[in-house]
Amino acid sequence: MRKIFHKNIIAWIGCLFFFLCAGTVRAETPGETEFLKAYDLEQAAGDPGQAISYYRTARQKALPLDPELAARALYRLGLCEKKRGRLAEARDLFSQLLKETGTASAWQEAARRELADLQAQMERLRIEGRVVDLQGRPVSGAILLAGEWTFEPPVLSDAEGNFRVERTASGQESF
C-alpha cells in the first residue's frame, strides 16, 4: 500500500513539473498575437514600418477587453513612428496615450518622457545638402556657417561635398 502511495505521489509531482515547465494554459487576450508579431518585427527584424499595422490591429482588438494591452500597443506605435522620423505623428500618439490612460499609469510616465524627448528633437534645426561648384562637381572641405557664427562652430563638407548642420532652432537662421 505504501509503495502505491509513493508511486502516485511521484506521478503527481511529475505532472506538476510538466505543467510548470510547459507553461500555463490560458485563453489568449484578443490582440495579443498581433502585438507579439509587431514587437518581433520592430525589435528582431528592425522593421518599425511593418510593425505599425500589427500594433494598430492589436490595439483595436484589445481596446474594449484589455486596456493595458491597448495602452502598450499605442506606446509602441509612438515609438515606431519616432524611429521612422515621423515626430509629429509620434507626438500625437503619445498625447493620445496621456488622454486615454489613468494618471497613475506607468504609460503616463513613459508617454511624458517620450513627449519631452520629442519636443527637444523637434526644436532642433537639421539641414543636409551638398556643395558643388559651377560644373556640378562636389566641393570638399567647404566651410558652412549656420546661425550665430560667434557661438556655433562651422561645418565642413565631406569628400563628396555632403554636409549636415544641426542646431537649436532660434527662429531665423542664415547661411
N, C-alpha and C. Protein backbone atom coordinates (compact mmCIF):
# COMPACT_ATOMS: atom_id res chain seq x y z
N MET A 1 0.82 -1.18 0.00
CA MET A 1 0.00 0.00 0.00
C MET A 1 0.87 1.26 0.00
N ARG A 2 1.90 1.23 0.83
CA ARG A 2 2.80 2.35 0.92
C ARG A 2 3.54 2.58 -0.40
N LYS A 3 3.88 1.50 -1.10
CA LYS A 3 4.57 1.57 -2.37
C LYS A 3 3.68 2.25 -3.43
N ILE A 4 2.42 1.92 -3.46
CA ILE A 4 1.48 2.51 -4.41
C ILE A 4 1.32 4.00 -4.11
N PHE A 5 1.24 4.34 -2.84
CA PHE A 5 1.10 5.74 -2.44
C PHE A 5 2.29 6.57 -2.93
N HIS A 6 3.51 6.04 -2.77
CA HIS A 6 4.70 6.73 -3.22
C HIS A 6 4.72 6.88 -4.74
N LYS A 7 4.28 5.83 -5.46
CA LYS A 7 4.24 5.91 -6.92
C LYS A 7 3.25 6.98 -7.36
N ASN A 8 2.10 7.08 -6.67
CA ASN A 8 1.11 8.11 -7.01
C ASN A 8 1.66 9.52 -6.75
N ILE A 9 2.35 9.67 -5.64
CA ILE A 9 2.95 10.97 -5.31
C ILE A 9 3.96 11.35 -6.38
N ILE A 10 4.78 10.41 -6.77
CA ILE A 10 5.80 10.67 -7.80
C ILE A 10 5.12 11.03 -9.12
N ALA A 11 4.05 10.34 -9.46
CA ALA A 11 3.32 10.65 -10.69
C ALA A 11 2.74 12.06 -10.63
N TRP A 12 2.16 12.45 -9.50
CA TRP A 12 1.58 13.79 -9.36
C TRP A 12 2.67 14.86 -9.42
N ILE A 13 3.78 14.59 -8.82
CA ILE A 13 4.90 15.55 -8.87
C ILE A 13 5.40 15.68 -10.31
N GLY A 14 5.48 14.57 -11.01
CA GLY A 14 5.88 14.61 -12.41
C GLY A 14 4.92 15.43 -13.26
N CYS A 15 3.63 15.26 -13.06
CA CYS A 15 2.62 16.04 -13.80
C CYS A 15 2.75 17.52 -13.47
N LEU A 16 2.92 17.82 -12.19
CA LEU A 16 3.06 19.21 -11.77
C LEU A 16 4.30 19.83 -12.41
N PHE A 17 5.41 19.11 -12.39
CA PHE A 17 6.64 19.58 -13.01
C PHE A 17 6.44 19.85 -14.51
N PHE A 18 5.74 18.95 -15.19
CA PHE A 18 5.48 19.10 -16.62
C PHE A 18 4.70 20.39 -16.89
N PHE A 19 3.64 20.64 -16.14
CA PHE A 19 2.83 21.82 -16.36
C PHE A 19 3.57 23.11 -16.02
N LEU A 20 4.42 23.05 -15.01
CA LEU A 20 5.20 24.23 -14.67
C LEU A 20 6.23 24.54 -15.75
N CYS A 21 6.86 23.51 -16.28
CA CYS A 21 7.87 23.72 -17.32
C CYS A 21 7.24 24.06 -18.67
N ALA A 22 6.11 23.46 -18.97
CA ALA A 22 5.47 23.68 -20.26
C ALA A 22 4.72 25.01 -20.31
N GLY A 23 4.48 25.64 -19.18
CA GLY A 23 3.73 26.89 -19.16
C GLY A 23 2.29 26.63 -18.82
N THR A 24 1.63 27.68 -18.51
CA THR A 24 0.23 27.54 -18.13
C THR A 24 -0.66 27.63 -19.36
N VAL A 25 -1.75 26.95 -19.28
CA VAL A 25 -2.72 27.00 -20.36
C VAL A 25 -3.68 28.13 -20.02
N ARG A 26 -3.84 29.06 -20.94
CA ARG A 26 -4.74 30.18 -20.67
C ARG A 26 -5.38 30.63 -21.97
N ALA A 27 -6.44 31.35 -21.83
CA ALA A 27 -7.10 31.92 -23.01
C ALA A 27 -6.28 33.12 -23.45
N GLU A 28 -6.06 33.26 -24.73
CA GLU A 28 -5.29 34.37 -25.26
C GLU A 28 -6.15 35.63 -25.31
N THR A 29 -5.56 36.74 -24.89
CA THR A 29 -6.25 38.02 -24.94
C THR A 29 -6.36 38.46 -26.39
N PRO A 30 -7.51 38.98 -26.81
CA PRO A 30 -7.63 39.48 -28.18
C PRO A 30 -6.57 40.56 -28.45
N GLY A 31 -5.88 40.41 -29.55
CA GLY A 31 -4.84 41.36 -29.93
C GLY A 31 -3.44 40.96 -29.51
N GLU A 32 -3.33 39.97 -28.64
CA GLU A 32 -2.01 39.58 -28.12
C GLU A 32 -1.12 39.00 -29.22
N THR A 33 -1.69 38.18 -30.08
CA THR A 33 -0.90 37.59 -31.17
C THR A 33 -0.35 38.68 -32.08
N GLU A 34 -1.19 39.65 -32.42
CA GLU A 34 -0.76 40.76 -33.28
C GLU A 34 0.31 41.61 -32.59
N PHE A 35 0.13 41.82 -31.29
CA PHE A 35 1.12 42.61 -30.55
C PHE A 35 2.48 41.91 -30.58
N LEU A 36 2.50 40.62 -30.33
CA LEU A 36 3.77 39.87 -30.33
C LEU A 36 4.42 39.87 -31.71
N LYS A 37 3.60 39.74 -32.74
CA LYS A 37 4.13 39.78 -34.11
C LYS A 37 4.74 41.15 -34.40
N ALA A 38 4.03 42.21 -33.99
CA ALA A 38 4.52 43.57 -34.20
C ALA A 38 5.83 43.80 -33.45
N TYR A 39 5.88 43.35 -32.21
CA TYR A 39 7.07 43.53 -31.39
C TYR A 39 8.26 42.81 -32.02
N ASP A 40 8.01 41.62 -32.54
CA ASP A 40 9.07 40.86 -33.21
C ASP A 40 9.55 41.61 -34.45
N LEU A 41 8.62 42.14 -35.24
CA LEU A 41 9.01 42.91 -36.43
C LEU A 41 9.82 44.15 -36.06
N GLU A 42 9.38 44.81 -35.02
CA GLU A 42 10.04 46.04 -34.60
C GLU A 42 11.43 45.77 -34.03
N GLN A 43 11.52 44.83 -33.11
CA GLN A 43 12.77 44.60 -32.39
C GLN A 43 13.73 43.67 -33.13
N ALA A 44 13.26 42.49 -33.47
CA ALA A 44 14.16 41.48 -34.06
C ALA A 44 14.45 41.78 -35.53
N ALA A 45 13.41 42.12 -36.28
CA ALA A 45 13.60 42.36 -37.71
C ALA A 45 14.00 43.81 -38.00
N GLY A 46 13.84 44.70 -37.02
CA GLY A 46 14.21 46.10 -37.22
C GLY A 46 13.33 46.80 -38.24
N ASP A 47 12.05 46.44 -38.29
CA ASP A 47 11.15 47.00 -39.29
C ASP A 47 9.95 47.67 -38.62
N PRO A 48 10.14 48.89 -38.11
CA PRO A 48 9.02 49.57 -37.44
C PRO A 48 7.86 49.88 -38.38
N GLY A 49 8.15 50.06 -39.65
CA GLY A 49 7.09 50.33 -40.63
C GLY A 49 6.09 49.19 -40.73
N GLN A 50 6.59 47.97 -40.80
CA GLN A 50 5.72 46.78 -40.84
C GLN A 50 5.01 46.56 -39.51
N ALA A 51 5.70 46.86 -38.43
CA ALA A 51 5.14 46.63 -37.10
C ALA A 51 3.92 47.51 -36.84
N ILE A 52 3.88 48.68 -37.44
CA ILE A 52 2.80 49.64 -37.18
C ILE A 52 1.42 49.04 -37.45
N SER A 53 1.26 48.36 -38.57
CA SER A 53 -0.07 47.81 -38.89
C SER A 53 -0.48 46.74 -37.87
N TYR A 54 0.46 45.95 -37.41
CA TYR A 54 0.14 44.93 -36.40
C TYR A 54 -0.19 45.57 -35.05
N TYR A 55 0.55 46.62 -34.68
CA TYR A 55 0.23 47.30 -33.43
C TYR A 55 -1.17 47.94 -33.49
N ARG A 56 -1.52 48.51 -34.65
CA ARG A 56 -2.85 49.11 -34.79
C ARG A 56 -3.94 48.04 -34.64
N THR A 57 -3.74 46.89 -35.27
CA THR A 57 -4.71 45.80 -35.16
C THR A 57 -4.78 45.29 -33.72
N ALA A 58 -3.64 45.13 -33.08
CA ALA A 58 -3.62 44.67 -31.68
C ALA A 58 -4.39 45.64 -30.80
N ARG A 59 -4.18 46.91 -31.02
CA ARG A 59 -4.87 47.94 -30.22
C ARG A 59 -6.38 47.87 -30.43
N GLN A 60 -6.80 47.76 -31.69
CA GLN A 60 -8.24 47.68 -31.99
C GLN A 60 -8.88 46.49 -31.30
N LYS A 61 -8.23 45.34 -31.38
CA LYS A 61 -8.79 44.13 -30.78
C LYS A 61 -8.78 44.17 -29.26
N ALA A 62 -7.75 44.78 -28.69
CA ALA A 62 -7.59 44.77 -27.23
C ALA A 62 -8.38 45.86 -26.53
N LEU A 63 -8.66 46.94 -27.23
CA LEU A 63 -9.22 48.13 -26.60
C LEU A 63 -10.41 47.88 -25.67
N PRO A 64 -11.44 47.16 -26.11
CA PRO A 64 -12.56 47.03 -25.18
C PRO A 64 -12.31 46.05 -24.03
N LEU A 65 -11.43 45.07 -24.23
CA LEU A 65 -11.26 44.00 -23.25
C LEU A 65 -10.00 44.11 -22.39
N ASP A 66 -8.94 44.65 -22.95
CA ASP A 66 -7.66 44.69 -22.25
C ASP A 66 -7.02 46.07 -22.44
N PRO A 67 -7.41 47.05 -21.62
CA PRO A 67 -6.87 48.40 -21.78
C PRO A 67 -5.35 48.48 -21.59
N GLU A 68 -4.79 47.57 -20.81
CA GLU A 68 -3.34 47.54 -20.61
C GLU A 68 -2.62 47.20 -21.92
N LEU A 69 -3.10 46.17 -22.61
CA LEU A 69 -2.51 45.80 -23.90
C LEU A 69 -2.74 46.91 -24.93
N ALA A 70 -3.90 47.53 -24.91
CA ALA A 70 -4.19 48.63 -25.83
C ALA A 70 -3.23 49.80 -25.59
N ALA A 71 -2.94 50.10 -24.33
CA ALA A 71 -2.00 51.18 -23.99
C ALA A 71 -0.58 50.82 -24.43
N ARG A 72 -0.19 49.57 -24.21
CA ARG A 72 1.14 49.12 -24.66
C ARG A 72 1.28 49.24 -26.16
N ALA A 73 0.24 48.85 -26.89
CA ALA A 73 0.27 48.93 -28.35
C ALA A 73 0.37 50.38 -28.81
N LEU A 74 -0.37 51.28 -28.16
CA LEU A 74 -0.33 52.69 -28.52
C LEU A 74 1.06 53.28 -28.25
N TYR A 75 1.66 52.89 -27.13
CA TYR A 75 3.01 53.34 -26.81
C TYR A 75 4.01 52.86 -27.86
N ARG A 76 3.93 51.58 -28.22
CA ARG A 76 4.85 51.03 -29.23
C ARG A 76 4.62 51.69 -30.59
N LEU A 77 3.36 52.03 -30.91
CA LEU A 77 3.08 52.75 -32.15
C LEU A 77 3.83 54.08 -32.16
N GLY A 78 3.78 54.79 -31.04
CA GLY A 78 4.51 56.06 -30.94
C GLY A 78 6.01 55.87 -31.12
N LEU A 79 6.56 54.82 -30.52
CA LEU A 79 7.99 54.56 -30.68
C LEU A 79 8.35 54.23 -32.12
N CYS A 80 7.49 53.47 -32.79
CA CYS A 80 7.75 53.13 -34.20
C CYS A 80 7.75 54.38 -35.07
N GLU A 81 6.78 55.26 -34.86
CA GLU A 81 6.73 56.50 -35.64
C GLU A 81 7.96 57.36 -35.36
N LYS A 82 8.39 57.37 -34.12
CA LYS A 82 9.59 58.12 -33.76
C LYS A 82 10.82 57.55 -34.47
N LYS A 83 10.93 56.22 -34.49
CA LYS A 83 12.06 55.58 -35.17
C LYS A 83 12.07 55.89 -36.67
N ARG A 84 10.88 56.05 -37.24
CA ARG A 84 10.77 56.35 -38.67
C ARG A 84 10.99 57.83 -38.97
N GLY A 85 11.19 58.63 -37.91
CA GLY A 85 11.42 60.06 -38.10
C GLY A 85 10.14 60.86 -38.25
N ARG A 86 9.02 60.24 -38.00
CA ARG A 86 7.72 60.93 -38.10
C ARG A 86 7.35 61.45 -36.72
N LEU A 87 8.02 62.53 -36.34
CA LEU A 87 7.95 63.05 -34.98
C LEU A 87 6.58 63.61 -34.63
N ALA A 88 5.93 64.29 -35.55
CA ALA A 88 4.60 64.84 -35.27
C ALA A 88 3.59 63.72 -35.02
N GLU A 89 3.67 62.65 -35.80
CA GLU A 89 2.77 61.51 -35.61
C GLU A 89 3.04 60.85 -34.26
N ALA A 90 4.32 60.70 -33.91
CA ALA A 90 4.68 60.11 -32.62
C ALA A 90 4.16 60.98 -31.48
N ARG A 91 4.32 62.29 -31.62
CA ARG A 91 3.81 63.20 -30.59
C ARG A 91 2.31 63.03 -30.39
N ASP A 92 1.57 62.93 -31.50
CA ASP A 92 0.12 62.76 -31.42
C ASP A 92 -0.27 61.46 -30.71
N LEU A 93 0.46 60.38 -31.00
CA LEU A 93 0.17 59.09 -30.37
C LEU A 93 0.46 59.12 -28.87
N PHE A 94 1.58 59.72 -28.48
CA PHE A 94 1.89 59.81 -27.05
C PHE A 94 0.90 60.72 -26.32
N SER A 95 0.47 61.78 -26.99
CA SER A 95 -0.55 62.66 -26.40
C SER A 95 -1.87 61.91 -26.22
N GLN A 96 -2.22 61.10 -27.21
CA GLN A 96 -3.43 60.28 -27.11
C GLN A 96 -3.33 59.31 -25.94
N LEU A 97 -2.15 58.74 -25.75
CA LEU A 97 -1.93 57.82 -24.64
C LEU A 97 -2.13 58.53 -23.30
N LEU A 98 -1.67 59.76 -23.19
CA LEU A 98 -1.88 60.53 -21.96
C LEU A 98 -3.36 60.75 -21.68
N LYS A 99 -4.13 61.00 -22.72
CA LYS A 99 -5.56 61.24 -22.55
C LYS A 99 -6.33 59.98 -22.18
N GLU A 100 -5.88 58.85 -22.68
CA GLU A 100 -6.65 57.61 -22.52
C GLU A 100 -6.31 56.80 -21.28
N THR A 101 -5.15 57.02 -20.68
CA THR A 101 -4.77 56.19 -19.54
C THR A 101 -4.95 56.95 -18.24
N GLY A 102 -5.05 56.21 -17.16
CA GLY A 102 -5.20 56.82 -15.84
C GLY A 102 -3.94 57.55 -15.40
N THR A 103 -4.11 58.48 -14.49
CA THR A 103 -2.97 59.31 -14.06
C THR A 103 -1.89 58.51 -13.35
N ALA A 104 -2.24 57.40 -12.75
CA ALA A 104 -1.25 56.58 -12.04
C ALA A 104 -0.62 55.53 -12.94
N SER A 105 -0.97 55.53 -14.20
CA SER A 105 -0.47 54.52 -15.12
C SER A 105 1.01 54.71 -15.41
N ALA A 106 1.71 53.58 -15.52
CA ALA A 106 3.12 53.63 -15.91
C ALA A 106 3.24 54.18 -17.33
N TRP A 107 2.20 54.01 -18.12
CA TRP A 107 2.22 54.52 -19.50
C TRP A 107 2.16 56.04 -19.53
N GLN A 108 1.55 56.65 -18.52
CA GLN A 108 1.53 58.11 -18.42
C GLN A 108 2.96 58.64 -18.31
N GLU A 109 3.73 58.05 -17.42
CA GLU A 109 5.11 58.50 -17.21
C GLU A 109 5.96 58.25 -18.45
N ALA A 110 5.80 57.08 -19.04
CA ALA A 110 6.57 56.77 -20.26
C ALA A 110 6.21 57.74 -21.39
N ALA A 111 4.93 58.04 -21.55
CA ALA A 111 4.48 58.97 -22.60
C ALA A 111 5.02 60.37 -22.34
N ARG A 112 5.03 60.80 -21.08
CA ARG A 112 5.57 62.13 -20.74
C ARG A 112 7.05 62.22 -21.10
N ARG A 113 7.81 61.17 -20.78
CA ARG A 113 9.25 61.17 -21.11
C ARG A 113 9.45 61.26 -22.61
N GLU A 114 8.68 60.47 -23.35
CA GLU A 114 8.81 60.48 -24.82
C GLU A 114 8.42 61.84 -25.40
N LEU A 115 7.37 62.44 -24.85
CA LEU A 115 6.95 63.77 -25.33
C LEU A 115 8.02 64.82 -25.08
N ALA A 116 8.66 64.77 -23.92
CA ALA A 116 9.74 65.72 -23.62
C ALA A 116 10.90 65.53 -24.60
N ASP A 117 11.25 64.28 -24.88
CA ASP A 117 12.33 63.99 -25.82
C ASP A 117 11.96 64.46 -27.23
N LEU A 118 10.72 64.21 -27.62
CA LEU A 118 10.26 64.65 -28.95
C LEU A 118 10.29 66.17 -29.07
N GLN A 119 9.87 66.85 -28.02
CA GLN A 119 9.87 68.31 -28.05
C GLN A 119 11.28 68.83 -28.29
N ALA A 120 12.25 68.26 -27.58
CA ALA A 120 13.64 68.68 -27.76
C ALA A 120 14.12 68.39 -29.19
N GLN A 121 13.74 67.23 -29.73
CA GLN A 121 14.14 66.89 -31.10
C GLN A 121 13.49 67.80 -32.12
N MET A 122 12.23 68.13 -31.89
CA MET A 122 11.51 68.95 -32.86
C MET A 122 11.98 70.40 -32.85
N GLU A 123 12.64 70.82 -31.78
CA GLU A 123 13.17 72.18 -31.71
C GLU A 123 14.54 72.29 -32.37
N ARG A 124 15.07 71.19 -32.81
CA ARG A 124 16.37 71.18 -33.49
C ARG A 124 16.17 71.46 -34.97
N LEU A 125 17.07 72.21 -35.54
CA LEU A 125 17.07 72.51 -36.96
C LEU A 125 18.09 71.60 -37.62
N ARG A 126 17.64 70.84 -38.61
CA ARG A 126 18.54 69.94 -39.34
C ARG A 126 18.51 70.30 -40.82
N ILE A 127 19.67 70.56 -41.34
CA ILE A 127 19.79 70.86 -42.77
C ILE A 127 20.89 69.98 -43.33
N GLU A 128 20.56 69.26 -44.39
CA GLU A 128 21.55 68.44 -45.07
C GLU A 128 21.61 68.87 -46.52
N GLY A 129 22.76 68.77 -47.10
CA GLY A 129 22.87 69.15 -48.51
C GLY A 129 24.21 68.77 -49.10
N ARG A 130 24.47 69.32 -50.26
CA ARG A 130 25.71 69.02 -50.98
C ARG A 130 26.22 70.30 -51.60
N VAL A 131 27.49 70.56 -51.44
CA VAL A 131 28.13 71.74 -52.02
C VAL A 131 28.80 71.31 -53.32
N VAL A 132 28.45 72.00 -54.41
CA VAL A 132 29.04 71.70 -55.71
C VAL A 132 29.55 73.00 -56.34
N ASP A 133 30.49 72.85 -57.25
CA ASP A 133 30.99 74.04 -57.97
C ASP A 133 30.11 74.30 -59.19
N LEU A 134 30.49 75.26 -60.02
CA LEU A 134 29.67 75.65 -61.17
C LEU A 134 29.51 74.52 -62.19
N GLN A 135 30.45 73.60 -62.23
CA GLN A 135 30.35 72.46 -63.14
C GLN A 135 29.61 71.28 -62.51
N GLY A 136 29.15 71.41 -61.27
CA GLY A 136 28.40 70.34 -60.61
C GLY A 136 29.27 69.34 -59.89
N ARG A 137 30.58 69.60 -59.77
CA ARG A 137 31.49 68.69 -59.06
C ARG A 137 31.43 68.99 -57.56
N PRO A 138 31.53 67.96 -56.72
CA PRO A 138 31.47 68.18 -55.27
C PRO A 138 32.65 69.01 -54.78
N VAL A 139 32.38 69.85 -53.79
CA VAL A 139 33.42 70.68 -53.18
C VAL A 139 33.72 70.10 -51.80
N SER A 140 34.92 69.59 -51.67
CA SER A 140 35.36 69.01 -50.41
C SER A 140 35.92 70.10 -49.51
N GLY A 141 35.57 70.05 -48.22
CA GLY A 141 36.13 70.99 -47.26
C GLY A 141 35.53 72.39 -47.29
N ALA A 142 34.37 72.55 -47.93
CA ALA A 142 33.72 73.86 -47.93
C ALA A 142 33.28 74.20 -46.50
N ILE A 143 33.47 75.46 -46.11
CA ILE A 143 33.11 75.89 -44.76
C ILE A 143 31.71 76.50 -44.80
N LEU A 144 30.83 75.96 -43.95
CA LEU A 144 29.47 76.49 -43.87
C LEU A 144 29.25 77.05 -42.48
N LEU A 145 28.74 78.25 -42.42
CA LEU A 145 28.40 78.88 -41.15
C LEU A 145 26.89 78.93 -41.06
N ALA A 146 26.37 78.45 -39.96
CA ALA A 146 24.92 78.47 -39.77
C ALA A 146 24.64 79.05 -38.40
N GLY A 147 23.66 79.92 -38.31
CA GLY A 147 23.30 80.52 -37.03
C GLY A 147 24.26 81.64 -36.68
N GLU A 148 24.40 81.89 -35.43
CA GLU A 148 25.29 82.93 -34.95
C GLU A 148 26.73 82.42 -35.06
N TRP A 149 27.51 83.00 -35.96
CA TRP A 149 28.85 82.46 -36.22
C TRP A 149 29.77 82.56 -35.02
N THR A 150 29.47 83.47 -34.10
CA THR A 150 30.35 83.58 -32.93
C THR A 150 30.07 82.50 -31.90
N PHE A 151 28.89 81.85 -31.99
CA PHE A 151 28.52 80.84 -31.00
C PHE A 151 28.53 79.42 -31.53
N GLU A 152 28.31 79.24 -32.79
CA GLU A 152 28.21 77.91 -33.38
C GLU A 152 29.45 77.61 -34.20
N PRO A 153 30.02 76.42 -34.07
CA PRO A 153 31.19 76.07 -34.87
C PRO A 153 30.81 75.88 -36.34
N PRO A 154 31.75 76.13 -37.25
CA PRO A 154 31.44 75.91 -38.67
C PRO A 154 31.32 74.43 -38.99
N VAL A 155 30.72 74.15 -40.12
CA VAL A 155 30.55 72.78 -40.60
C VAL A 155 31.33 72.67 -41.90
N LEU A 156 32.06 71.57 -42.07
CA LEU A 156 32.82 71.34 -43.29
C LEU A 156 32.13 70.27 -44.12
N SER A 157 32.14 70.46 -45.43
CA SER A 157 31.61 69.41 -46.31
C SER A 157 32.62 68.28 -46.40
N ASP A 158 32.11 67.06 -46.63
CA ASP A 158 33.00 65.90 -46.71
C ASP A 158 33.58 65.79 -48.12
N ALA A 159 34.27 64.68 -48.40
CA ALA A 159 34.94 64.48 -49.69
C ALA A 159 33.98 64.52 -50.87
N GLU A 160 32.72 64.14 -50.65
CA GLU A 160 31.72 64.16 -51.72
C GLU A 160 30.92 65.47 -51.72
N GLY A 161 31.31 66.43 -50.89
CA GLY A 161 30.61 67.70 -50.81
C GLY A 161 29.39 67.71 -49.90
N ASN A 162 29.10 66.59 -49.25
CA ASN A 162 27.92 66.49 -48.39
C ASN A 162 28.17 67.19 -47.06
N PHE A 163 27.11 67.77 -46.50
CA PHE A 163 27.19 68.39 -45.19
C PHE A 163 25.89 68.17 -44.44
N ARG A 164 26.00 68.31 -43.13
CA ARG A 164 24.82 68.23 -42.26
C ARG A 164 25.01 69.23 -41.12
N VAL A 165 24.04 70.09 -40.98
CA VAL A 165 24.05 71.09 -39.92
C VAL A 165 22.91 70.76 -38.98
N GLU A 166 23.21 70.75 -37.68
CA GLU A 166 22.16 70.54 -36.69
C GLU A 166 22.37 71.55 -35.58
N ARG A 167 21.37 72.37 -35.38
CA ARG A 167 21.43 73.43 -34.39
C ARG A 167 20.09 73.53 -33.66
N THR A 168 20.13 74.17 -32.51
CA THR A 168 18.88 74.50 -31.83
C THR A 168 18.26 75.65 -32.59
N ALA A 169 17.00 75.48 -32.99
CA ALA A 169 16.32 76.49 -33.77
C ALA A 169 16.10 77.74 -32.93
N SER A 170 16.40 78.91 -33.50
CA SER A 170 16.24 80.17 -32.76
C SER A 170 15.23 81.09 -33.44
N GLY A 171 14.54 80.59 -34.42
CA GLY A 171 13.52 81.40 -35.09
C GLY A 171 13.93 81.76 -36.49
N GLN A 172 15.10 82.38 -36.68
CA GLN A 172 15.54 82.75 -38.01
C GLN A 172 17.01 82.35 -38.16
N GLU A 173 17.29 81.63 -39.20
CA GLU A 173 18.66 81.16 -39.43
C GLU A 173 19.16 81.72 -40.75
N SER A 174 20.46 81.86 -40.85
CA SER A 174 21.06 82.34 -42.10
C SER A 174 22.30 81.52 -42.39
N PHE A 175 22.63 81.43 -43.68
CA PHE A 175 23.85 80.73 -44.13
C PHE A 175 24.71 81.70 -44.85
